N, C-alpha and C. Protein backbone atom coordinates (compact mmCIF):
# COMPACT_ATOMS: atom_id res chain seq x y z
N MET A 1 10.44 2.52 17.70
CA MET A 1 9.55 1.44 17.26
C MET A 1 8.84 1.83 15.97
N SER A 2 8.79 0.94 15.02
CA SER A 2 8.14 1.21 13.74
C SER A 2 6.65 1.46 13.92
N ARG A 3 6.14 2.41 13.17
CA ARG A 3 4.70 2.70 13.23
C ARG A 3 3.89 1.75 12.37
N PHE A 4 4.57 1.00 11.51
CA PHE A 4 3.87 0.11 10.58
C PHE A 4 4.44 -1.31 10.67
N SER A 5 3.60 -2.29 10.44
CA SER A 5 4.06 -3.67 10.41
C SER A 5 4.85 -3.90 9.13
N LYS A 6 5.58 -5.02 9.09
CA LYS A 6 6.32 -5.36 7.88
C LYS A 6 5.38 -5.48 6.69
N GLU A 7 4.24 -6.10 6.92
CA GLU A 7 3.26 -6.28 5.84
C GLU A 7 2.77 -4.94 5.31
N GLU A 8 2.55 -4.00 6.21
CA GLU A 8 2.08 -2.67 5.79
C GLU A 8 3.16 -1.94 4.99
N VAL A 9 4.39 -2.04 5.42
CA VAL A 9 5.48 -1.39 4.69
C VAL A 9 5.61 -1.95 3.28
N PHE A 10 5.60 -3.27 3.17
CA PHE A 10 5.74 -3.88 1.85
C PHE A 10 4.54 -3.56 0.96
N GLN A 11 3.37 -3.48 1.55
CA GLN A 11 2.18 -3.13 0.77
C GLN A 11 2.28 -1.70 0.24
N LYS A 12 2.80 -0.80 1.07
CA LYS A 12 2.98 0.58 0.64
C LYS A 12 3.95 0.67 -0.54
N ILE A 13 5.02 -0.13 -0.47
CA ILE A 13 5.99 -0.14 -1.57
C ILE A 13 5.35 -0.70 -2.84
N GLU A 14 4.63 -1.79 -2.68
CA GLU A 14 4.09 -2.50 -3.84
C GLU A 14 2.97 -1.74 -4.54
N THR A 15 2.23 -0.91 -3.81
CA THR A 15 1.08 -0.22 -4.40
C THR A 15 1.47 0.64 -5.59
N ASN A 16 2.47 1.52 -5.40
CA ASN A 16 2.91 2.39 -6.50
C ASN A 16 4.19 1.90 -7.15
N ARG A 17 4.85 0.96 -6.50
CA ARG A 17 6.10 0.38 -6.99
C ARG A 17 7.17 1.45 -7.26
N VAL A 18 7.15 2.47 -6.40
CA VAL A 18 8.16 3.53 -6.47
C VAL A 18 8.72 3.74 -5.07
N LEU A 19 10.05 3.72 -4.96
CA LEU A 19 10.70 3.96 -3.68
C LEU A 19 11.72 5.09 -3.85
N PRO A 20 11.37 6.32 -3.43
CA PRO A 20 12.32 7.43 -3.52
C PRO A 20 13.44 7.26 -2.49
N LEU A 21 14.67 7.60 -2.90
CA LEU A 21 15.80 7.60 -1.98
C LEU A 21 16.53 8.92 -2.10
N PHE A 22 16.79 9.53 -0.96
CA PHE A 22 17.27 10.92 -0.97
C PHE A 22 18.16 11.16 0.23
N ASN A 23 19.12 12.06 0.05
CA ASN A 23 19.98 12.49 1.14
C ASN A 23 20.31 13.96 0.96
N TYR A 24 20.14 14.71 2.04
CA TYR A 24 20.51 16.14 2.00
C TYR A 24 20.70 16.61 3.42
N ALA A 25 21.68 17.48 3.64
CA ALA A 25 22.01 17.90 5.00
C ALA A 25 21.05 18.93 5.58
N ASP A 26 20.21 19.52 4.74
CA ASP A 26 19.25 20.53 5.19
C ASP A 26 17.89 19.88 5.47
N VAL A 27 17.47 19.92 6.72
CA VAL A 27 16.22 19.27 7.12
C VAL A 27 15.02 19.86 6.37
N GLU A 28 15.00 21.16 6.18
CA GLU A 28 13.86 21.79 5.53
C GLU A 28 13.74 21.36 4.07
N VAL A 29 14.87 21.19 3.41
CA VAL A 29 14.85 20.69 2.04
C VAL A 29 14.28 19.27 2.01
N CYS A 30 14.71 18.46 2.95
CA CYS A 30 14.20 17.09 3.04
C CYS A 30 12.68 17.08 3.25
N LYS A 31 12.21 17.94 4.10
CA LYS A 31 10.77 18.03 4.35
C LYS A 31 10.02 18.38 3.07
N SER A 32 10.54 19.34 2.33
CA SER A 32 9.88 19.77 1.10
C SER A 32 9.88 18.66 0.05
N VAL A 33 10.99 17.95 -0.06
CA VAL A 33 11.07 16.84 -1.01
C VAL A 33 10.09 15.74 -0.62
N MET A 34 10.04 15.42 0.64
CA MET A 34 9.14 14.38 1.11
C MET A 34 7.67 14.78 0.92
N GLN A 35 7.38 16.05 1.16
CA GLN A 35 6.01 16.53 0.96
C GLN A 35 5.62 16.42 -0.51
N ALA A 36 6.54 16.75 -1.40
CA ALA A 36 6.26 16.64 -2.84
C ALA A 36 5.96 15.20 -3.23
N CYS A 37 6.76 14.28 -2.70
CA CYS A 37 6.54 12.85 -2.99
C CYS A 37 5.21 12.39 -2.41
N TYR A 38 4.91 12.84 -1.22
CA TYR A 38 3.66 12.47 -0.55
C TYR A 38 2.46 12.98 -1.34
N ASN A 39 2.56 14.23 -1.80
CA ASN A 39 1.47 14.81 -2.60
C ASN A 39 1.21 14.00 -3.87
N ALA A 40 2.28 13.41 -4.40
CA ALA A 40 2.16 12.63 -5.64
C ALA A 40 1.60 11.23 -5.39
N GLY A 41 1.50 10.85 -4.12
CA GLY A 41 0.94 9.55 -3.79
C GLY A 41 1.91 8.54 -3.21
N VAL A 42 3.16 8.93 -3.07
CA VAL A 42 4.17 8.04 -2.50
C VAL A 42 3.93 7.86 -1.01
N ARG A 43 4.08 6.62 -0.54
CA ARG A 43 3.85 6.36 0.88
C ARG A 43 5.05 5.64 1.53
N VAL A 44 6.17 5.61 0.85
CA VAL A 44 7.43 5.10 1.41
C VAL A 44 8.55 6.04 0.97
N PHE A 45 9.53 6.22 1.85
CA PHE A 45 10.62 7.14 1.53
C PHE A 45 11.87 6.68 2.26
N GLU A 46 12.98 6.62 1.53
CA GLU A 46 14.26 6.23 2.12
C GLU A 46 15.17 7.44 2.25
N LEU A 47 15.62 7.74 3.46
CA LEU A 47 16.67 8.72 3.66
C LEU A 47 17.99 7.96 3.72
N THR A 48 18.87 8.23 2.80
CA THR A 48 20.12 7.48 2.74
C THR A 48 21.15 8.04 3.71
N ASN A 49 21.86 7.14 4.34
CA ASN A 49 22.86 7.50 5.35
C ASN A 49 24.22 7.68 4.67
N ARG A 50 24.36 8.78 3.97
CA ARG A 50 25.56 8.97 3.15
C ARG A 50 26.44 10.13 3.60
N ASP A 51 26.14 10.75 4.71
CA ASP A 51 27.02 11.79 5.24
C ASP A 51 26.84 11.87 6.75
N GLU A 52 27.65 12.69 7.39
CA GLU A 52 27.64 12.77 8.85
C GLU A 52 26.36 13.39 9.39
N ALA A 53 25.65 14.14 8.55
CA ALA A 53 24.43 14.81 9.01
C ALA A 53 23.20 13.91 8.94
N ALA A 54 23.30 12.79 8.25
CA ALA A 54 22.12 11.98 7.96
C ALA A 54 21.35 11.54 9.20
N TYR A 55 22.06 11.09 10.22
CA TYR A 55 21.37 10.61 11.42
C TYR A 55 20.63 11.74 12.13
N SER A 56 21.29 12.90 12.25
CA SER A 56 20.65 14.05 12.88
C SER A 56 19.42 14.50 12.09
N VAL A 57 19.57 14.53 10.77
CA VAL A 57 18.44 14.91 9.91
C VAL A 57 17.30 13.91 10.07
N PHE A 58 17.64 12.63 10.09
CA PHE A 58 16.61 11.59 10.22
C PHE A 58 15.82 11.77 11.51
N LYS A 59 16.51 12.00 12.61
CA LYS A 59 15.84 12.16 13.90
C LYS A 59 14.88 13.35 13.88
N GLN A 60 15.23 14.40 13.16
CA GLN A 60 14.37 15.58 13.08
C GLN A 60 13.19 15.34 12.14
N LEU A 61 13.37 14.44 11.18
CA LEU A 61 12.30 14.18 10.22
C LEU A 61 11.20 13.28 10.80
N VAL A 62 11.56 12.41 11.73
CA VAL A 62 10.58 11.46 12.27
C VAL A 62 9.35 12.16 12.86
N PRO A 63 9.50 13.13 13.77
CA PRO A 63 8.29 13.79 14.31
C PRO A 63 7.52 14.57 13.25
N TYR A 64 8.24 15.11 12.26
CA TYR A 64 7.57 15.81 11.16
C TYR A 64 6.70 14.85 10.36
N VAL A 65 7.24 13.69 10.06
CA VAL A 65 6.48 12.70 9.30
C VAL A 65 5.25 12.25 10.08
N ILE A 66 5.42 11.98 11.35
CA ILE A 66 4.30 11.53 12.18
C ILE A 66 3.16 12.55 12.18
N LYS A 67 3.52 13.82 12.25
CA LYS A 67 2.51 14.88 12.33
C LYS A 67 1.95 15.28 10.97
N GLU A 68 2.83 15.45 9.98
CA GLU A 68 2.43 16.04 8.70
C GLU A 68 2.20 15.02 7.58
N LEU A 69 2.88 13.88 7.66
CA LEU A 69 2.78 12.87 6.60
C LEU A 69 2.46 11.51 7.25
N PRO A 70 1.32 11.41 7.90
CA PRO A 70 1.03 10.26 8.77
C PRO A 70 1.01 8.89 8.09
N GLU A 71 0.77 8.87 6.78
CA GLU A 71 0.72 7.58 6.09
C GLU A 71 2.07 7.17 5.50
N LEU A 72 3.06 8.04 5.65
CA LEU A 72 4.37 7.78 5.05
C LEU A 72 5.22 6.88 5.94
N SER A 73 5.78 5.84 5.34
CA SER A 73 6.73 4.96 6.02
C SER A 73 8.13 5.46 5.70
N LEU A 74 8.87 5.86 6.72
CA LEU A 74 10.20 6.44 6.55
C LEU A 74 11.27 5.42 6.95
N GLY A 75 12.15 5.12 6.02
CA GLY A 75 13.21 4.16 6.29
C GLY A 75 14.58 4.76 6.12
N ALA A 76 15.58 4.02 6.56
CA ALA A 76 16.97 4.46 6.44
C ALA A 76 17.71 3.56 5.46
N GLY A 77 18.48 4.18 4.57
CA GLY A 77 19.23 3.43 3.57
C GLY A 77 20.73 3.59 3.73
N THR A 78 21.48 2.82 2.96
CA THR A 78 22.93 2.78 3.03
C THR A 78 23.38 2.45 4.46
N ILE A 79 22.76 1.43 5.02
CA ILE A 79 23.10 0.97 6.37
C ILE A 79 24.04 -0.22 6.23
N LEU A 80 25.29 -0.03 6.66
CA LEU A 80 26.34 -1.00 6.39
C LEU A 80 26.69 -1.92 7.56
N ASP A 81 26.25 -1.57 8.77
CA ASP A 81 26.62 -2.40 9.91
C ASP A 81 25.48 -2.45 10.93
N ALA A 82 25.58 -3.41 11.83
CA ALA A 82 24.51 -3.66 12.79
C ALA A 82 24.30 -2.49 13.76
N GLU A 83 25.38 -1.89 14.19
CA GLU A 83 25.27 -0.77 15.14
C GLU A 83 24.49 0.39 14.53
N THR A 84 24.79 0.70 13.30
CA THR A 84 24.08 1.80 12.62
C THR A 84 22.62 1.44 12.40
N ALA A 85 22.36 0.18 12.05
CA ALA A 85 20.98 -0.27 11.87
C ALA A 85 20.19 -0.07 13.15
N GLN A 86 20.73 -0.49 14.28
CA GLN A 86 20.03 -0.36 15.55
C GLN A 86 19.81 1.11 15.90
N LYS A 87 20.79 1.94 15.60
CA LYS A 87 20.68 3.37 15.90
C LYS A 87 19.52 4.00 15.15
N PHE A 88 19.39 3.69 13.87
CA PHE A 88 18.30 4.26 13.08
C PHE A 88 16.95 3.64 13.48
N ILE A 89 16.94 2.37 13.82
CA ILE A 89 15.70 1.75 14.28
C ILE A 89 15.23 2.41 15.57
N ASP A 90 16.15 2.66 16.48
CA ASP A 90 15.82 3.34 17.74
C ASP A 90 15.30 4.75 17.49
N ALA A 91 15.77 5.36 16.40
CA ALA A 91 15.34 6.72 16.05
C ALA A 91 13.98 6.75 15.36
N GLY A 92 13.46 5.56 14.99
CA GLY A 92 12.13 5.51 14.40
C GLY A 92 12.05 5.00 12.98
N ALA A 93 13.11 4.39 12.47
CA ALA A 93 13.07 3.88 11.10
C ALA A 93 12.04 2.76 10.96
N ASP A 94 11.25 2.84 9.91
CA ASP A 94 10.24 1.81 9.64
C ASP A 94 10.82 0.63 8.86
N PHE A 95 11.95 0.85 8.20
CA PHE A 95 12.61 -0.22 7.46
C PHE A 95 14.08 0.15 7.26
N ILE A 96 14.88 -0.85 6.96
CA ILE A 96 16.32 -0.66 6.75
C ILE A 96 16.70 -1.21 5.38
N ILE A 97 17.47 -0.40 4.63
CA ILE A 97 17.94 -0.80 3.30
C ILE A 97 19.46 -0.70 3.26
N ALA A 98 20.09 -1.65 2.59
CA ALA A 98 21.55 -1.64 2.47
C ALA A 98 21.96 -1.87 1.03
N PRO A 99 23.15 -1.42 0.64
CA PRO A 99 23.64 -1.68 -0.71
C PRO A 99 24.30 -3.05 -0.82
N ASN A 100 24.44 -3.73 0.33
CA ASN A 100 25.15 -5.01 0.35
C ASN A 100 24.42 -6.01 1.25
N LEU A 101 24.89 -7.23 1.23
CA LEU A 101 24.32 -8.29 2.06
C LEU A 101 25.20 -8.46 3.30
N GLU A 102 24.73 -7.91 4.43
CA GLU A 102 25.46 -8.01 5.69
C GLU A 102 24.57 -8.76 6.69
N PRO A 103 24.91 -10.00 7.02
CA PRO A 103 24.07 -10.82 7.90
C PRO A 103 23.76 -10.18 9.25
N LEU A 104 24.72 -9.45 9.83
CA LEU A 104 24.51 -8.85 11.14
C LEU A 104 23.44 -7.76 11.10
N VAL A 105 23.36 -7.04 9.98
CA VAL A 105 22.29 -6.05 9.81
C VAL A 105 20.94 -6.77 9.75
N GLY A 106 20.92 -7.88 9.03
CA GLY A 106 19.70 -8.67 8.95
C GLY A 106 19.25 -9.16 10.31
N GLU A 107 20.18 -9.60 11.13
CA GLU A 107 19.85 -10.09 12.46
C GLU A 107 19.22 -9.00 13.32
N VAL A 108 19.76 -7.80 13.24
CA VAL A 108 19.21 -6.67 14.00
C VAL A 108 17.78 -6.37 13.56
N CYS A 109 17.57 -6.35 12.25
CA CYS A 109 16.24 -6.05 11.72
C CYS A 109 15.23 -7.12 12.11
N ILE A 110 15.62 -8.37 12.00
CA ILE A 110 14.72 -9.47 12.36
C ILE A 110 14.40 -9.42 13.84
N LYS A 111 15.39 -9.15 14.67
CA LYS A 111 15.18 -9.03 16.12
C LYS A 111 14.17 -7.94 16.45
N ASN A 112 14.22 -6.85 15.70
CA ASN A 112 13.32 -5.72 15.93
C ASN A 112 12.04 -5.78 15.10
N ASN A 113 11.89 -6.86 14.33
CA ASN A 113 10.72 -7.05 13.48
C ASN A 113 10.56 -5.89 12.49
N ILE A 114 11.69 -5.50 11.92
CA ILE A 114 11.75 -4.40 10.96
C ILE A 114 12.09 -4.96 9.57
N PRO A 115 11.42 -4.50 8.51
CA PRO A 115 11.78 -4.95 7.17
C PRO A 115 13.24 -4.66 6.85
N TRP A 116 13.90 -5.66 6.31
CA TRP A 116 15.31 -5.56 5.92
C TRP A 116 15.40 -5.83 4.42
N ILE A 117 15.91 -4.84 3.68
CA ILE A 117 16.04 -4.95 2.24
C ILE A 117 17.52 -4.83 1.89
N PRO A 118 18.23 -5.97 1.83
CA PRO A 118 19.66 -5.93 1.54
C PRO A 118 19.95 -5.83 0.05
N GLY A 119 21.09 -5.24 -0.28
CA GLY A 119 21.50 -5.15 -1.66
C GLY A 119 22.22 -6.42 -2.09
N CYS A 120 21.81 -6.96 -3.22
CA CYS A 120 22.41 -8.19 -3.76
C CYS A 120 22.61 -8.00 -5.27
N PHE A 121 23.48 -8.84 -5.82
CA PHE A 121 23.71 -8.77 -7.26
C PHE A 121 23.62 -10.14 -7.93
N THR A 122 24.11 -11.16 -7.26
CA THR A 122 24.13 -12.49 -7.87
C THR A 122 22.97 -13.34 -7.38
N PRO A 123 22.61 -14.37 -8.13
CA PRO A 123 21.57 -15.30 -7.67
C PRO A 123 21.89 -15.92 -6.32
N SER A 124 23.14 -16.24 -6.08
CA SER A 124 23.53 -16.84 -4.80
C SER A 124 23.29 -15.88 -3.64
N GLU A 125 23.67 -14.62 -3.84
CA GLU A 125 23.43 -13.62 -2.79
C GLU A 125 21.95 -13.47 -2.51
N MET A 126 21.14 -13.44 -3.55
CA MET A 126 19.71 -13.25 -3.38
C MET A 126 19.06 -14.41 -2.64
N LYS A 127 19.44 -15.63 -3.01
CA LYS A 127 18.88 -16.80 -2.33
C LYS A 127 19.34 -16.85 -0.88
N THR A 128 20.57 -16.47 -0.63
CA THR A 128 21.08 -16.41 0.75
C THR A 128 20.30 -15.39 1.57
N ALA A 129 20.09 -14.21 1.00
CA ALA A 129 19.34 -13.17 1.69
C ALA A 129 17.92 -13.62 1.98
N TYR A 130 17.30 -14.26 1.00
CA TYR A 130 15.93 -14.76 1.18
C TYR A 130 15.89 -15.79 2.31
N ASP A 131 16.84 -16.70 2.32
CA ASP A 131 16.89 -17.73 3.36
C ASP A 131 17.14 -17.13 4.74
N MET A 132 17.79 -15.98 4.77
CA MET A 132 18.07 -15.32 6.05
C MET A 132 16.89 -14.50 6.56
N GLY A 133 15.84 -14.38 5.74
CA GLY A 133 14.65 -13.66 6.19
C GLY A 133 14.35 -12.38 5.47
N ALA A 134 15.10 -12.06 4.41
CA ALA A 134 14.82 -10.85 3.63
C ALA A 134 13.66 -11.13 2.68
N GLU A 135 12.50 -10.56 2.97
CA GLU A 135 11.32 -10.80 2.15
C GLU A 135 11.37 -10.01 0.84
N VAL A 136 12.10 -8.90 0.85
CA VAL A 136 12.31 -8.08 -0.35
C VAL A 136 13.81 -7.84 -0.46
N ILE A 137 14.31 -7.87 -1.68
CA ILE A 137 15.75 -7.74 -1.93
C ILE A 137 15.99 -6.61 -2.93
N LYS A 138 17.10 -5.91 -2.75
CA LYS A 138 17.45 -4.82 -3.67
C LYS A 138 18.50 -5.31 -4.65
N LEU A 139 18.22 -5.18 -5.94
CA LEU A 139 19.23 -5.44 -6.96
C LEU A 139 20.00 -4.15 -7.19
N PHE A 140 21.29 -4.19 -6.87
CA PHE A 140 22.12 -3.00 -6.99
C PHE A 140 23.52 -3.41 -7.45
N PRO A 141 24.07 -2.72 -8.47
CA PRO A 141 23.45 -1.68 -9.29
C PRO A 141 22.68 -2.29 -10.46
N ALA A 142 21.40 -2.01 -10.53
CA ALA A 142 20.54 -2.66 -11.51
C ALA A 142 20.81 -2.22 -12.95
N GLY A 143 21.24 -0.97 -13.12
CA GLY A 143 21.45 -0.46 -14.48
C GLY A 143 22.53 -1.17 -15.25
N THR A 144 23.39 -1.88 -14.56
CA THR A 144 24.48 -2.57 -15.24
C THR A 144 24.03 -3.87 -15.90
N VAL A 145 22.85 -4.37 -15.52
CA VAL A 145 22.38 -5.64 -16.07
C VAL A 145 21.06 -5.51 -16.84
N GLY A 146 20.19 -4.59 -16.43
CA GLY A 146 18.96 -4.34 -17.17
C GLY A 146 17.82 -5.28 -16.81
N PRO A 147 16.62 -5.00 -17.34
CA PRO A 147 15.40 -5.75 -17.01
C PRO A 147 15.46 -7.24 -17.32
N SER A 148 16.19 -7.62 -18.37
CA SER A 148 16.23 -9.04 -18.72
C SER A 148 16.82 -9.88 -17.59
N TYR A 149 17.68 -9.28 -16.79
CA TYR A 149 18.29 -9.98 -15.67
C TYR A 149 17.22 -10.42 -14.66
N ILE A 150 16.22 -9.57 -14.47
CA ILE A 150 15.11 -9.90 -13.56
C ILE A 150 14.37 -11.13 -14.06
N LYS A 151 14.10 -11.17 -15.34
CA LYS A 151 13.38 -12.32 -15.91
C LYS A 151 14.17 -13.61 -15.72
N HIS A 152 15.47 -13.54 -15.93
CA HIS A 152 16.31 -14.72 -15.74
C HIS A 152 16.32 -15.17 -14.28
N LEU A 153 16.37 -14.22 -13.37
CA LEU A 153 16.39 -14.55 -11.95
C LEU A 153 15.08 -15.18 -11.49
N LYS A 154 13.97 -14.60 -11.94
CA LYS A 154 12.67 -15.05 -11.47
C LYS A 154 12.21 -16.34 -12.15
N GLY A 155 12.91 -16.76 -13.18
CA GLY A 155 12.58 -18.05 -13.79
C GLY A 155 12.73 -19.17 -12.77
N PRO A 156 13.95 -19.39 -12.24
CA PRO A 156 14.13 -20.44 -11.24
C PRO A 156 13.74 -20.03 -9.83
N MET A 157 13.62 -18.69 -9.59
CA MET A 157 13.30 -18.21 -8.23
C MET A 157 12.15 -17.20 -8.29
N PRO A 158 10.95 -17.66 -8.64
CA PRO A 158 9.81 -16.75 -8.79
C PRO A 158 9.36 -16.10 -7.49
N PHE A 159 9.83 -16.62 -6.38
CA PHE A 159 9.45 -16.09 -5.07
C PHE A 159 10.19 -14.80 -4.72
N LEU A 160 11.21 -14.44 -5.49
CA LEU A 160 11.98 -13.23 -5.18
C LEU A 160 11.17 -11.97 -5.45
N LYS A 161 11.21 -11.05 -4.50
CA LYS A 161 10.63 -9.72 -4.67
C LYS A 161 11.80 -8.74 -4.72
N ILE A 162 11.96 -8.11 -5.88
CA ILE A 162 13.18 -7.35 -6.13
C ILE A 162 12.89 -5.88 -6.39
N VAL A 163 13.56 -5.03 -5.61
CA VAL A 163 13.56 -3.58 -5.86
C VAL A 163 14.83 -3.26 -6.64
N VAL A 164 14.71 -2.52 -7.72
CA VAL A 164 15.88 -2.18 -8.52
C VAL A 164 16.31 -0.74 -8.28
N THR A 165 17.60 -0.54 -8.03
CA THR A 165 18.15 0.80 -7.86
C THR A 165 19.52 0.86 -8.52
N GLY A 166 19.94 2.08 -8.83
CA GLY A 166 21.26 2.27 -9.41
C GLY A 166 21.24 2.21 -10.92
N GLY A 167 21.20 3.38 -11.55
CA GLY A 167 21.23 3.43 -13.01
C GLY A 167 19.93 3.07 -13.69
N VAL A 168 18.81 3.21 -12.97
CA VAL A 168 17.50 2.93 -13.56
C VAL A 168 16.97 4.19 -14.23
N GLU A 169 16.74 4.13 -15.54
CA GLU A 169 16.22 5.28 -16.27
C GLU A 169 14.73 5.47 -15.96
N LEU A 170 14.28 6.72 -15.95
CA LEU A 170 12.92 7.02 -15.51
C LEU A 170 11.96 7.39 -16.65
N ASP A 171 12.33 7.09 -17.90
CA ASP A 171 11.42 7.36 -19.00
C ASP A 171 10.40 6.23 -19.11
N GLU A 172 9.33 6.49 -19.84
CA GLU A 172 8.21 5.55 -19.95
C GLU A 172 8.65 4.18 -20.46
N VAL A 173 9.47 4.15 -21.49
CA VAL A 173 9.89 2.88 -22.08
C VAL A 173 10.69 2.04 -21.09
N SER A 174 11.66 2.68 -20.42
CA SER A 174 12.50 1.96 -19.47
C SER A 174 11.69 1.44 -18.29
N LEU A 175 10.82 2.29 -17.75
CA LEU A 175 9.99 1.88 -16.62
C LEU A 175 9.11 0.69 -16.99
N ALA A 176 8.52 0.76 -18.18
CA ALA A 176 7.65 -0.33 -18.63
C ALA A 176 8.41 -1.66 -18.71
N LYS A 177 9.66 -1.61 -19.15
CA LYS A 177 10.46 -2.83 -19.26
C LYS A 177 10.74 -3.44 -17.89
N TRP A 178 11.04 -2.59 -16.91
CA TRP A 178 11.29 -3.10 -15.56
C TRP A 178 10.02 -3.72 -14.97
N ILE A 179 8.90 -3.04 -15.15
CA ILE A 179 7.64 -3.55 -14.60
C ILE A 179 7.26 -4.86 -15.27
N GLU A 180 7.40 -4.91 -16.59
CA GLU A 180 7.07 -6.14 -17.32
C GLU A 180 8.00 -7.29 -16.92
N ALA A 181 9.22 -6.96 -16.52
CA ALA A 181 10.17 -7.99 -16.10
C ALA A 181 9.80 -8.59 -14.75
N GLY A 182 8.94 -7.88 -14.00
CA GLY A 182 8.46 -8.43 -12.74
C GLY A 182 9.08 -7.84 -11.48
N VAL A 183 9.58 -6.60 -11.55
CA VAL A 183 10.16 -6.01 -10.34
C VAL A 183 9.08 -5.71 -9.31
N PHE A 184 9.48 -5.73 -8.06
CA PHE A 184 8.58 -5.39 -6.96
C PHE A 184 8.42 -3.88 -6.87
N ALA A 185 9.51 -3.14 -7.14
CA ALA A 185 9.47 -1.68 -7.13
C ALA A 185 10.72 -1.13 -7.79
N VAL A 186 10.65 0.15 -8.12
CA VAL A 186 11.77 0.86 -8.75
C VAL A 186 12.26 1.94 -7.79
N GLY A 187 13.53 1.92 -7.48
CA GLY A 187 14.10 2.97 -6.65
C GLY A 187 14.47 4.17 -7.50
N VAL A 188 14.09 5.36 -7.05
CA VAL A 188 14.38 6.58 -7.81
C VAL A 188 15.17 7.53 -6.91
N GLY A 189 16.28 8.05 -7.45
CA GLY A 189 17.13 8.91 -6.65
C GLY A 189 17.64 10.10 -7.40
N SER A 190 18.91 10.06 -7.79
CA SER A 190 19.59 11.25 -8.31
C SER A 190 18.98 11.80 -9.59
N GLN A 191 18.40 10.94 -10.42
CA GLN A 191 17.79 11.46 -11.65
C GLN A 191 16.59 12.36 -11.35
N LEU A 192 15.87 12.02 -10.29
CA LEU A 192 14.71 12.83 -9.89
C LEU A 192 15.13 14.00 -9.01
N PHE A 193 15.94 13.70 -8.00
CA PHE A 193 16.36 14.73 -7.05
C PHE A 193 17.70 15.31 -7.49
N ASN A 194 17.71 15.89 -8.69
CA ASN A 194 18.96 16.42 -9.21
C ASN A 194 19.28 17.80 -8.62
N ASP A 195 20.51 18.23 -8.82
CA ASP A 195 20.96 19.49 -8.25
C ASP A 195 20.10 20.67 -8.67
N LYS A 196 19.68 20.65 -9.94
CA LYS A 196 18.88 21.77 -10.44
C LYS A 196 17.55 21.88 -9.69
N ASN A 197 16.86 20.75 -9.55
CA ASN A 197 15.57 20.77 -8.85
C ASN A 197 15.74 21.20 -7.40
N ILE A 198 16.77 20.69 -6.74
CA ILE A 198 16.97 20.99 -5.32
C ILE A 198 17.41 22.43 -5.11
N LYS A 199 18.39 22.88 -5.87
CA LYS A 199 18.93 24.23 -5.66
C LYS A 199 17.94 25.32 -6.02
N THR A 200 17.04 25.05 -6.96
CA THR A 200 16.03 26.04 -7.34
C THR A 200 14.73 25.86 -6.57
N GLY A 201 14.66 24.84 -5.72
CA GLY A 201 13.43 24.60 -4.96
C GLY A 201 12.27 24.20 -5.84
N ASN A 202 12.57 23.45 -6.88
CA ASN A 202 11.52 23.05 -7.83
C ASN A 202 10.79 21.81 -7.32
N TYR A 203 10.11 21.96 -6.20
CA TYR A 203 9.42 20.83 -5.60
C TYR A 203 8.16 20.46 -6.37
N ALA A 204 7.56 21.45 -7.02
CA ALA A 204 6.40 21.16 -7.87
C ALA A 204 6.83 20.28 -9.04
N GLY A 205 8.03 20.54 -9.56
CA GLY A 205 8.54 19.72 -10.65
C GLY A 205 8.80 18.30 -10.20
N ILE A 206 9.32 18.13 -8.99
CA ILE A 206 9.54 16.80 -8.43
C ILE A 206 8.22 16.07 -8.26
N GLU A 207 7.23 16.77 -7.73
CA GLU A 207 5.90 16.17 -7.56
C GLU A 207 5.32 15.73 -8.90
N ASN A 208 5.45 16.56 -9.90
CA ASN A 208 4.92 16.22 -11.21
C ASN A 208 5.63 15.02 -11.82
N GLN A 209 6.94 14.97 -11.64
CA GLN A 209 7.69 13.85 -12.22
C GLN A 209 7.37 12.54 -11.50
N ILE A 210 7.22 12.60 -10.18
CA ILE A 210 6.82 11.40 -9.43
C ILE A 210 5.45 10.92 -9.89
N SER A 211 4.52 11.86 -10.07
CA SER A 211 3.18 11.51 -10.55
C SER A 211 3.25 10.86 -11.91
N TYR A 212 4.14 11.37 -12.75
CA TYR A 212 4.34 10.80 -14.09
C TYR A 212 4.86 9.38 -14.00
N ILE A 213 5.85 9.16 -13.14
CA ILE A 213 6.43 7.83 -12.97
C ILE A 213 5.40 6.83 -12.49
N ILE A 214 4.58 7.24 -11.53
CA ILE A 214 3.58 6.35 -10.95
C ILE A 214 2.55 5.89 -11.99
N GLN A 215 2.33 6.71 -13.01
CA GLN A 215 1.41 6.30 -14.09
C GLN A 215 1.83 4.96 -14.69
N PHE A 216 3.13 4.72 -14.75
CA PHE A 216 3.64 3.54 -15.43
C PHE A 216 4.06 2.42 -14.46
N THR A 217 4.16 2.76 -13.18
CA THR A 217 4.61 1.74 -12.22
C THR A 217 3.51 1.23 -11.31
N ALA A 218 2.50 2.03 -11.04
CA ALA A 218 1.46 1.67 -10.07
C ALA A 218 0.80 0.35 -10.44
N LYS A 219 0.56 -0.45 -9.43
CA LYS A 219 -0.04 -1.76 -9.65
C LYS A 219 -1.49 -1.61 -10.06
N LYS A 220 -1.82 -2.19 -11.18
CA LYS A 220 -3.19 -2.14 -11.70
C LYS A 220 -3.74 -3.55 -11.81
N GLU A 221 -5.04 -3.62 -11.92
CA GLU A 221 -5.68 -4.95 -12.01
C GLU A 221 -5.13 -5.71 -13.22
N GLY A 222 -4.68 -6.91 -12.97
CA GLY A 222 -4.14 -7.73 -14.05
C GLY A 222 -2.69 -7.46 -14.35
N ARG A 223 -2.06 -6.59 -13.51
CA ARG A 223 -0.64 -6.31 -13.77
C ARG A 223 0.15 -6.30 -12.47
């Protein structure tokens, strides 16, 4: 059962407008990465289901988060089918994210009153997802279209809340363009959690970079 309501999860995402997504087979590495993000002010974290170890790692992370990172909302990403969605929800996922629009995953999330953030690319997919109950939608891969695409989408559909992932650059100029375009949040993954940082245990560097990103993404008065 989720520790947070849907409203609380979305508020946590919207506050800093940063959603880290990470996958690693070593539980201790995951803990260190999550702690670095938490120290920087992040209160949502996606563990992506991209290998056979992901579910086992997720189950081990849930009690750690409850005890050590109590304000952190932990979700599962790359969820492609309903069975997997239910499995992660039963394990304690606070939200479910997918790279695609799968109605059966949405049904499971709605049944369990869990936030469902499906991946969409076209206006038709986004409107369909919204009509199915997705309050927040993921534009993936966002780097192929850029910030102007968000402005075009939100013109006729201003009600869309869009998280962008996939090819999003993390420099000040790029982040500013996404925020100005009206994104709900920016997903950060491989550019931040690169092999060098992970293999050398440079968690302080990850924390510093997250703090840097939040300077430009965090919701401020009038923005």
